Structures are given as structure tokens and as C-alpha cells.
Full PDB file with SEQRES, HELIX, SHEET, SSBOND, CRYST1, ORIGX, SCALE, CONECT and MASTER records, all heavy atoms in Angstrom:
SEQRES   1 A   31  SER SER SER SER PHE TYR ILE PRO MET ALA ALA GLY ASP          
SEQRES   2 A   31  ASP GLN VAL PRO PRO PRO GLU SER HIS LEU LEU GLU LYS          
SEQRES   3 A   31  GLN PHE GLU SER PHE                                          
HELIX    1 AA1 SER A    2  SER A    4  5                                   3    
HELIX    2 AA2 PRO A   19  SER A   30  1                                  12    
CRYST1    1.000    1.000    1.000  90.00  90.00  90.00 P 1           1          
ORIGX1      1.000000  0.000000  0.000000        0.00000                         
ORIGX2      0.000000  1.000000  0.000000        0.00000                         
ORIGX3      0.000000  0.000000  1.000000        0.00000                         
SCALE1      1.000000  0.000000  0.000000        0.00000                         
SCALE2      0.000000  1.000000  0.000000        0.00000                         
SCALE3      0.000000  0.000000  1.000000        0.00000                         
ATOM      1  N   SER A   1     -31.949  -3.670   9.185  1.00  0.00           N  
ATOM      2  CA  SER A   1     -31.530  -5.023   8.794  1.00  0.00           C  
ATOM      3  C   SER A   1     -30.325  -4.960   7.883  1.00  0.00           C  
ATOM      4  O   SER A   1     -29.995  -3.940   7.308  1.00  0.00           O  
ATOM      5  CB  SER A   1     -32.698  -5.734   8.086  1.00  0.00           C  
ATOM      6  OG  SER A   1     -33.059  -4.995   6.929  1.00  0.00           O  
ATOM      7  N   SER A   2     -29.681  -6.118   7.769  1.00  0.00           N  
ATOM      8  CA  SER A   2     -28.481  -6.200   6.954  1.00  0.00           C  
ATOM      9  C   SER A   2     -28.752  -5.938   5.488  1.00  0.00           C  
ATOM     10  O   SER A   2     -27.871  -5.562   4.734  1.00  0.00           O  
ATOM     11  CB  SER A   2     -27.822  -7.574   7.123  1.00  0.00           C  
ATOM     12  OG  SER A   2     -28.740  -8.585   6.706  1.00  0.00           O  
ATOM     13  N   SER A   3     -30.025  -6.119   5.093  1.00  0.00           N  
ATOM     14  CA  SER A   3     -30.336  -5.895   3.686  1.00  0.00           C  
ATOM     15  C   SER A   3     -30.307  -4.425   3.323  1.00  0.00           C  
ATOM     16  O   SER A   3     -30.178  -4.072   2.160  1.00  0.00           O  
ATOM     17  CB  SER A   3     -31.714  -6.482   3.362  1.00  0.00           C  
ATOM     18  OG  SER A   3     -32.697  -5.845   4.172  1.00  0.00           O  
ATOM     19  N   SER A   4     -30.434  -3.547   4.357  1.00  0.00           N  
ATOM     20  CA  SER A   4     -30.413  -2.116   4.074  1.00  0.00           C  
ATOM     21  C   SER A   4     -29.027  -1.512   4.178  1.00  0.00           C  
ATOM     22  O   SER A   4     -28.858  -0.326   3.976  1.00  0.00           O  
ATOM     23  CB  SER A   4     -31.348  -1.391   5.041  1.00  0.00           C  
ATOM     24  OG  SER A   4     -30.899  -1.576   6.383  1.00  0.00           O  
ATOM     25  N   PHE A   5     -27.995  -2.306   4.568  1.00  0.00           N  
ATOM     26  CA  PHE A   5     -26.627  -1.786   4.654  1.00  0.00           C  
ATOM     27  C   PHE A   5     -26.082  -1.547   3.254  1.00  0.00           C  
ATOM     28  O   PHE A   5     -26.341  -2.326   2.332  1.00  0.00           O  
ATOM     29  CB  PHE A   5     -25.691  -2.763   5.393  1.00  0.00           C  
ATOM     30  CG  PHE A   5     -25.955  -2.793   6.875  1.00  0.00           C  
ATOM     31  CD1 PHE A   5     -25.610  -3.917   7.625  1.00  0.00           C  
ATOM     32  CD2 PHE A   5     -26.509  -1.706   7.509  1.00  0.00           C  
ATOM     33  CE1 PHE A   5     -25.834  -3.943   8.972  1.00  0.00           C  
ATOM     34  CE2 PHE A   5     -26.728  -1.732   8.869  1.00  0.00           C  
ATOM     35  CZ  PHE A   5     -26.399  -2.862   9.603  1.00  0.00           C  
ATOM     36  N   TYR A   6     -25.207  -0.461   3.107  1.00  0.00           N  
ATOM     37  CA  TYR A   6     -24.507  -0.199   1.847  1.00  0.00           C  
ATOM     38  C   TYR A   6     -23.039  -0.507   2.072  1.00  0.00           C  
ATOM     39  O   TYR A   6     -22.371   0.157   2.869  1.00  0.00           O  
ATOM     40  CB  TYR A   6     -24.673   1.248   1.392  1.00  0.00           C  
ATOM     41  CG  TYR A   6     -23.805   1.592   0.196  1.00  0.00           C  
ATOM     42  CD1 TYR A   6     -24.132   1.126  -1.071  1.00  0.00           C  
ATOM     43  CD2 TYR A   6     -22.658   2.362   0.368  1.00  0.00           C  
ATOM     44  CE1 TYR A   6     -23.337   1.431  -2.148  1.00  0.00           C  
ATOM     45  CE2 TYR A   6     -21.866   2.662  -0.706  1.00  0.00           C  
ATOM     46  CZ  TYR A   6     -22.213   2.195  -1.966  1.00  0.00           C  
ATOM     47  OH  TYR A   6     -21.423   2.489  -3.027  1.00  0.00           O  
ATOM     48  N   ILE A   7     -22.546  -1.527   1.444  1.00  0.00           N  
ATOM     49  CA  ILE A   7     -21.148  -1.937   1.575  1.00  0.00           C  
ATOM     50  C   ILE A   7     -20.449  -1.587   0.268  1.00  0.00           C  
ATOM     51  O   ILE A   7     -20.787  -2.135  -0.779  1.00  0.00           O  
ATOM     52  CB  ILE A   7     -21.022  -3.441   1.852  1.00  0.00           C  
ATOM     53  CG1 ILE A   7     -21.792  -3.793   3.134  1.00  0.00           C  
ATOM     54  CG2 ILE A   7     -19.564  -3.846   1.951  1.00  0.00           C  
ATOM     55  CD1 ILE A   7     -21.778  -5.263   3.447  1.00  0.00           C  
ATOM     56  N   PRO A   8     -19.497  -0.639   0.291  1.00  0.00           N  
ATOM     57  CA  PRO A   8     -18.815  -0.274  -0.957  1.00  0.00           C  
ATOM     58  C   PRO A   8     -17.985  -1.442  -1.445  1.00  0.00           C  
ATOM     59  O   PRO A   8     -17.203  -2.033  -0.706  1.00  0.00           O  
ATOM     60  CB  PRO A   8     -17.946   0.926  -0.554  1.00  0.00           C  
ATOM     61  CG  PRO A   8     -17.756   0.788   0.919  1.00  0.00           C  
ATOM     62  CD  PRO A   8     -18.999   0.131   1.441  1.00  0.00           C  
ATOM     63  N   MET A   9     -18.120  -1.744  -2.697  1.00  0.00           N  
ATOM     64  CA  MET A   9     -17.396  -2.842  -3.319  1.00  0.00           C  
ATOM     65  C   MET A   9     -16.120  -2.314  -3.960  1.00  0.00           C  
ATOM     66  O   MET A   9     -16.001  -1.129  -4.294  1.00  0.00           O  
ATOM     67  CB  MET A   9     -18.278  -3.529  -4.379  1.00  0.00           C  
ATOM     68  CG  MET A   9     -19.613  -4.028  -3.833  1.00  0.00           C  
ATOM     69  SD  MET A   9     -19.418  -5.285  -2.544  1.00  0.00           S  
ATOM     70  CE  MET A   9     -18.742  -6.602  -3.535  1.00  0.00           C  
ATOM     71  N   ALA A  10     -15.160  -3.201  -4.120  1.00  0.00           N  
ATOM     72  CA  ALA A  10     -13.915  -2.833  -4.775  1.00  0.00           C  
ATOM     73  C   ALA A  10     -14.172  -2.516  -6.231  1.00  0.00           C  
ATOM     74  O   ALA A  10     -15.067  -3.070  -6.866  1.00  0.00           O  
ATOM     75  CB  ALA A  10     -12.884  -3.960  -4.652  1.00  0.00           C  
ATOM     76  N   ALA A  11     -13.331  -1.578  -6.742  1.00  0.00           N  
ATOM     77  CA  ALA A  11     -13.523  -1.162  -8.129  1.00  0.00           C  
ATOM     78  C   ALA A  11     -13.260  -2.328  -9.062  1.00  0.00           C  
ATOM     79  O   ALA A  11     -12.209  -2.956  -9.021  1.00  0.00           O  
ATOM     80  CB  ALA A  11     -12.581  -0.002  -8.451  1.00  0.00           C  
ATOM     81  N   GLY A  12     -14.165  -2.594  -9.877  1.00  0.00           N  
ATOM     82  CA  GLY A  12     -14.031  -3.692 -10.825  1.00  0.00           C  
ATOM     83  C   GLY A  12     -13.511  -3.208 -12.156  1.00  0.00           C  
ATOM     84  O   GLY A  12     -13.268  -2.025 -12.396  1.00  0.00           O  
ATOM     85  N   ASP A  13     -13.322  -4.136 -13.072  1.00  0.00           N  
ATOM     86  CA  ASP A  13     -12.810  -3.801 -14.384  1.00  0.00           C  
ATOM     87  C   ASP A  13     -13.825  -3.041 -15.216  1.00  0.00           C  
ATOM     88  O   ASP A  13     -13.468  -2.349 -16.164  1.00  0.00           O  
ATOM     89  CB  ASP A  13     -12.395  -5.080 -15.126  1.00  0.00           C  
ATOM     90  CG  ASP A  13     -11.270  -5.806 -14.407  1.00  0.00           C  
ATOM     91  OD1 ASP A  13     -10.532  -5.126 -13.657  1.00  0.00           O  
ATOM     92  OD2 ASP A  13     -11.144  -7.028 -14.605  1.00  0.00           O  
ATOM     93  N   ASP A  14     -15.088  -3.162 -14.858  1.00  0.00           N  
ATOM     94  CA  ASP A  14     -16.108  -2.530 -15.675  1.00  0.00           C  
ATOM     95  C   ASP A  14     -16.366  -1.091 -15.273  1.00  0.00           C  
ATOM     96  O   ASP A  14     -17.149  -0.404 -15.921  1.00  0.00           O  
ATOM     97  CB  ASP A  14     -17.420  -3.330 -15.569  1.00  0.00           C  
ATOM     98  CG  ASP A  14     -17.885  -3.490 -14.119  1.00  0.00           C  
ATOM     99  OD1 ASP A  14     -17.036  -3.256 -13.223  1.00  0.00           O  
ATOM    100  OD2 ASP A  14     -19.054  -3.857 -13.906  1.00  0.00           O  
ATOM    101  N   GLN A  15     -15.687  -0.607 -14.190  1.00  0.00           N  
ATOM    102  CA  GLN A  15     -15.909   0.763 -13.772  1.00  0.00           C  
ATOM    103  C   GLN A  15     -15.035   1.702 -14.597  1.00  0.00           C  
ATOM    104  O   GLN A  15     -13.855   1.437 -14.824  1.00  0.00           O  
ATOM    105  CB  GLN A  15     -15.600   0.934 -12.286  1.00  0.00           C  
ATOM    106  CG  GLN A  15     -16.601   0.222 -11.378  1.00  0.00           C  
ATOM    107  CD  GLN A  15     -16.372   0.585  -9.932  1.00  0.00           C  
ATOM    108  OE1 GLN A  15     -15.434   1.293  -9.615  1.00  0.00           O  
ATOM    109  NE2 GLN A  15     -17.236   0.092  -9.077  1.00  0.00           N  
ATOM    110  N   VAL A  16     -15.548   2.833 -15.030  1.00  0.00           N  
ATOM    111  CA  VAL A  16     -14.849   3.804 -15.864  1.00  0.00           C  
ATOM    112  C   VAL A  16     -14.171   4.828 -14.964  1.00  0.00           C  
ATOM    113  O   VAL A  16     -14.825   5.418 -14.104  1.00  0.00           O  
ATOM    114  CB  VAL A  16     -15.831   4.501 -16.826  1.00  0.00           C  
ATOM    115  CG1 VAL A  16     -15.095   5.518 -17.691  1.00  0.00           C  
ATOM    116  CG2 VAL A  16     -16.545   3.471 -17.679  1.00  0.00           C  
ATOM    117  N   PRO A  17     -12.828   5.062 -15.091  1.00  0.00           N  
ATOM    118  CA  PRO A  17     -12.156   6.065 -14.259  1.00  0.00           C  
ATOM    119  C   PRO A  17     -12.635   7.459 -14.604  1.00  0.00           C  
ATOM    120  O   PRO A  17     -13.127   7.711 -15.705  1.00  0.00           O  
ATOM    121  CB  PRO A  17     -10.674   5.874 -14.611  1.00  0.00           C  
ATOM    122  CG  PRO A  17     -10.677   5.243 -15.955  1.00  0.00           C  
ATOM    123  CD  PRO A  17     -11.916   4.395 -16.008  1.00  0.00           C  
ATOM    124  N   PRO A  18     -12.502   8.385 -13.682  1.00  0.00           N  
ATOM    125  CA  PRO A  18     -12.953   9.760 -13.943  1.00  0.00           C  
ATOM    126  C   PRO A  18     -12.125  10.411 -15.039  1.00  0.00           C  
ATOM    127  O   PRO A  18     -11.006   9.984 -15.339  1.00  0.00           O  
ATOM    128  CB  PRO A  18     -12.749  10.459 -12.593  1.00  0.00           C  
ATOM    129  CG  PRO A  18     -11.723   9.635 -11.891  1.00  0.00           C  
ATOM    130  CD  PRO A  18     -11.941   8.224 -12.336  1.00  0.00           C  
ATOM    131  N   PRO A  19     -12.634  11.456 -15.660  1.00  0.00           N  
ATOM    132  CA  PRO A  19     -11.893  12.120 -16.751  1.00  0.00           C  
ATOM    133  C   PRO A  19     -10.569  12.724 -16.302  1.00  0.00           C  
ATOM    134  O   PRO A  19      -9.637  12.831 -17.095  1.00  0.00           O  
ATOM    135  CB  PRO A  19     -12.865  13.206 -17.230  1.00  0.00           C  
ATOM    136  CG  PRO A  19     -14.209  12.809 -16.702  1.00  0.00           C  
ATOM    137  CD  PRO A  19     -13.974  12.006 -15.469  1.00  0.00           C  
ATOM    138  N   GLU A  20     -10.474  13.131 -15.016  1.00  0.00           N  
ATOM    139  CA  GLU A  20      -9.237  13.735 -14.553  1.00  0.00           C  
ATOM    140  C   GLU A  20      -8.065  12.771 -14.658  1.00  0.00           C  
ATOM    141  O   GLU A  20      -6.938  13.169 -14.948  1.00  0.00           O  
ATOM    142  CB  GLU A  20      -9.400  14.219 -13.105  1.00  0.00           C  
ATOM    143  CG  GLU A  20     -10.350  15.396 -12.931  1.00  0.00           C  
ATOM    144  CD  GLU A  20     -11.802  14.964 -12.951  1.00  0.00           C  
ATOM    145  OE1 GLU A  20     -12.036  13.735 -13.014  1.00  0.00           O  
ATOM    146  OE2 GLU A  20     -12.688  15.839 -12.907  1.00  0.00           O  
ATOM    147  N   SER A  21      -8.280  11.501 -14.409  1.00  0.00           N  
ATOM    148  CA  SER A  21      -7.198  10.525 -14.488  1.00  0.00           C  
ATOM    149  C   SER A  21      -6.693  10.377 -15.920  1.00  0.00           C  
ATOM    150  O   SER A  21      -5.491  10.183 -16.145  1.00  0.00           O  
ATOM    151  CB  SER A  21      -7.669   9.175 -13.947  1.00  0.00           C  
ATOM    152  OG  SER A  21      -8.730   8.668 -14.737  1.00  0.00           O  
ATOM    153  N   HIS A  22      -7.590  10.469 -16.903  1.00  0.00           N  
ATOM    154  CA  HIS A  22      -7.157  10.407 -18.295  1.00  0.00           C  
ATOM    155  C   HIS A  22      -6.272  11.595 -18.637  1.00  0.00           C  
ATOM    156  O   HIS A  22      -5.233  11.452 -19.296  1.00  0.00           O  
ATOM    157  CB  HIS A  22      -8.379  10.378 -19.222  1.00  0.00           C  
ATOM    158  CG  HIS A  22      -9.099   9.062 -19.224  1.00  0.00           C  
ATOM    159  ND1 HIS A  22      -8.539   7.905 -19.741  1.00  0.00           N  
ATOM    160  CD2 HIS A  22     -10.325   8.713 -18.761  1.00  0.00           C  
ATOM    161  CE1 HIS A  22      -9.400   6.894 -19.616  1.00  0.00           C  
ATOM    162  NE2 HIS A  22     -10.490   7.364 -19.011  1.00  0.00           N  
ATOM    163  N   LEU A  23      -6.641  12.797 -18.168  1.00  0.00           N  
ATOM    164  CA  LEU A  23      -5.838  13.980 -18.436  1.00  0.00           C  
ATOM    165  C   LEU A  23      -4.478  13.890 -17.761  1.00  0.00           C  
ATOM    166  O   LEU A  23      -3.453  14.265 -18.346  1.00  0.00           O  
ATOM    167  CB  LEU A  23      -6.584  15.228 -17.957  1.00  0.00           C  
ATOM    168  CG  LEU A  23      -7.896  15.558 -18.684  1.00  0.00           C  
ATOM    169  CD1 LEU A  23      -8.573  16.764 -18.045  1.00  0.00           C  
ATOM    170  CD2 LEU A  23      -7.634  15.811 -20.157  1.00  0.00           C  
ATOM    171  N   LEU A  24      -4.454  13.402 -16.536  1.00  0.00           N  
ATOM    172  CA  LEU A  24      -3.191  13.267 -15.811  1.00  0.00           C  
ATOM    173  C   LEU A  24      -2.266  12.273 -16.499  1.00  0.00           C  
ATOM    174  O   LEU A  24      -1.063  12.522 -16.673  1.00  0.00           O  
ATOM    175  CB  LEU A  24      -3.481  12.833 -14.373  1.00  0.00           C  
ATOM    176  CG  LEU A  24      -2.304  12.869 -13.397  1.00  0.00           C  
ATOM    177  CD1 LEU A  24      -1.812  14.289 -13.208  1.00  0.00           C  
ATOM    178  CD2 LEU A  24      -2.712  12.268 -12.067  1.00  0.00           C  
ATOM    179  N   GLU A  25      -2.829  11.150 -16.905  1.00  0.00           N  
ATOM    180  CA  GLU A  25      -2.020  10.140 -17.580  1.00  0.00           C  
ATOM    181  C   GLU A  25      -1.499  10.663 -18.917  1.00  0.00           C  
ATOM    182  O   GLU A  25      -0.339  10.422 -19.279  1.00  0.00           O  
ATOM    183  CB  GLU A  25      -2.864   8.883 -17.796  1.00  0.00           C  
ATOM    184  CG  GLU A  25      -2.095   7.744 -18.463  1.00  0.00           C  
ATOM    185  CD  GLU A  25      -2.962   6.517 -18.625  1.00  0.00           C  
ATOM    186  OE1 GLU A  25      -4.124   6.542 -18.163  1.00  0.00           O  
ATOM    187  OE2 GLU A  25      -2.475   5.536 -19.219  1.00  0.00           O  
ATOM    188  N   LYS A  26      -2.338  11.379 -19.646  1.00  0.00           N  
ATOM    189  CA  LYS A  26      -1.914  11.927 -20.929  1.00  0.00           C  
ATOM    190  C   LYS A  26      -0.813  12.961 -20.756  1.00  0.00           C  
ATOM    191  O   LYS A  26       0.151  13.001 -21.542  1.00  0.00           O  
ATOM    192  CB  LYS A  26      -3.122  12.558 -21.618  1.00  0.00           C  
ATOM    193  CG  LYS A  26      -2.818  13.090 -23.011  1.00  0.00           C  
ATOM    194  CD  LYS A  26      -4.071  13.660 -23.643  1.00  0.00           C  
ATOM    195  CE  LYS A  26      -3.774  14.207 -25.039  1.00  0.00           C  
ATOM    196  NZ  LYS A  26      -4.996  14.773 -25.681  1.00  0.00           N  
ATOM    197  N   GLN A  27      -0.919  13.791 -19.718  1.00  0.00           N  
ATOM    198  CA  GLN A  27       0.105  14.808 -19.481  1.00  0.00           C  
ATOM    199  C   GLN A  27       1.455  14.184 -19.174  1.00  0.00           C  
ATOM    200  O   GLN A  27       2.471  14.554 -19.766  1.00  0.00           O  
ATOM    201  CB  GLN A  27      -0.331  15.715 -18.331  1.00  0.00           C  
ATOM    202  CG  GLN A  27       0.736  16.714 -17.901  1.00  0.00           C  
ATOM    203  CD  GLN A  27       0.286  17.564 -16.738  1.00  0.00           C  
ATOM    204  OE1 GLN A  27      -0.169  18.682 -16.937  1.00  0.00           O  
ATOM    205  NE2 GLN A  27       0.416  17.037 -15.528  1.00  0.00           N  
ATOM    206  N   PHE A  28       1.494  13.221 -18.262  1.00  0.00           N  
ATOM    207  CA  PHE A  28       2.768  12.623 -17.885  1.00  0.00           C  
ATOM    208  C   PHE A  28       3.316  11.715 -18.979  1.00  0.00           C  
ATOM    209  O   PHE A  28       4.533  11.502 -19.048  1.00  0.00           O  
ATOM    210  CB  PHE A  28       2.615  11.856 -16.568  1.00  0.00           C  
ATOM    211  CG  PHE A  28       2.717  12.739 -15.365  1.00  0.00           C  
ATOM    212  CD1 PHE A  28       1.616  13.438 -14.888  1.00  0.00           C  
ATOM    213  CD2 PHE A  28       3.928  12.903 -14.716  1.00  0.00           C  
ATOM    214  CE1 PHE A  28       1.704  14.260 -13.791  1.00  0.00           C  
ATOM    215  CE2 PHE A  28       4.038  13.727 -13.614  1.00  0.00           C  
ATOM    216  CZ  PHE A  28       2.917  14.416 -13.144  1.00  0.00           C  
ATOM    217  N   GLU A  29       2.468  11.206 -19.815  1.00  0.00           N  
ATOM    218  CA  GLU A  29       2.959  10.450 -20.966  1.00  0.00           C  
ATOM    219  C   GLU A  29       3.692  11.377 -21.927  1.00  0.00           C  
ATOM    220  O   GLU A  29       4.756  11.018 -22.469  1.00  0.00           O  
ATOM    221  CB  GLU A  29       1.781   9.772 -21.681  1.00  0.00           C  
ATOM    222  CG  GLU A  29       2.186   9.005 -22.937  1.00  0.00           C  
ATOM    223  CD  GLU A  29       3.097   7.834 -22.640  1.00  0.00           C  
ATOM    224  OE1 GLU A  29       3.114   7.356 -21.486  1.00  0.00           O  
ATOM    225  OE2 GLU A  29       3.792   7.379 -23.576  1.00  0.00           O  
ATOM    226  N   SER A  30       3.156  12.584 -22.122  1.00  0.00           N  
ATOM    227  CA  SER A  30       3.856  13.553 -22.972  1.00  0.00           C  
ATOM    228  C   SER A  30       5.169  13.995 -22.326  1.00  0.00           C  
ATOM    229  O   SER A  30       6.174  14.195 -23.021  1.00  0.00           O  
ATOM    230  CB  SER A  30       2.962  14.765 -23.224  1.00  0.00           C  
ATOM    231  OG  SER A  30       2.692  15.470 -22.015  1.00  0.00           O  
ATOM    232  N   PHE A  31       5.182  14.122 -20.992  1.00  0.00           N  
ATOM    233  CA  PHE A  31       6.422  14.460 -20.303  1.00  0.00           C  
ATOM    234  C   PHE A  31       7.472  13.368 -20.510  1.00  0.00           C  
ATOM    235  O   PHE A  31       8.651  13.652 -20.729  1.00  0.00           O  
ATOM    236  CB  PHE A  31       6.170  14.647 -18.806  1.00  0.00           C  
ATOM    237  CG  PHE A  31       5.409  15.899 -18.471  1.00  0.00           C  
ATOM    238  CD1 PHE A  31       4.801  16.046 -17.230  1.00  0.00           C  
ATOM    239  CD2 PHE A  31       5.296  16.919 -19.389  1.00  0.00           C  
ATOM    240  CE1 PHE A  31       4.103  17.204 -16.926  1.00  0.00           C  
ATOM    241  CE2 PHE A  31       4.601  18.077 -19.089  1.00  0.00           C  
ATOM    242  CZ  PHE A  31       3.999  18.214 -17.855  1.00  0.00           C  
TER     243      PHE A  31                                                      
MASTER        0    0    0    2    0    0    0    6  242    1    0    3          
END                                                                             
């Protein structure tokens, strides 16, 4: 049934980005 389907939702504002993105952003900011 449709109730058992998993539909991925778009990333919302409340989702926390992975730690790798913080490191990447910090590196290029220093560059």
C-alpha cells in the first residue's frame, strides 16, 4: 500500500549538514 512507500523529502532547514561540509567550507574560507 501507499502507506508503506518511502518518499525521500527535500532537505529542510532543520537538517544538519555532515561534518565533511563544515571542513570543506572552512578550508576554502581560509584559502
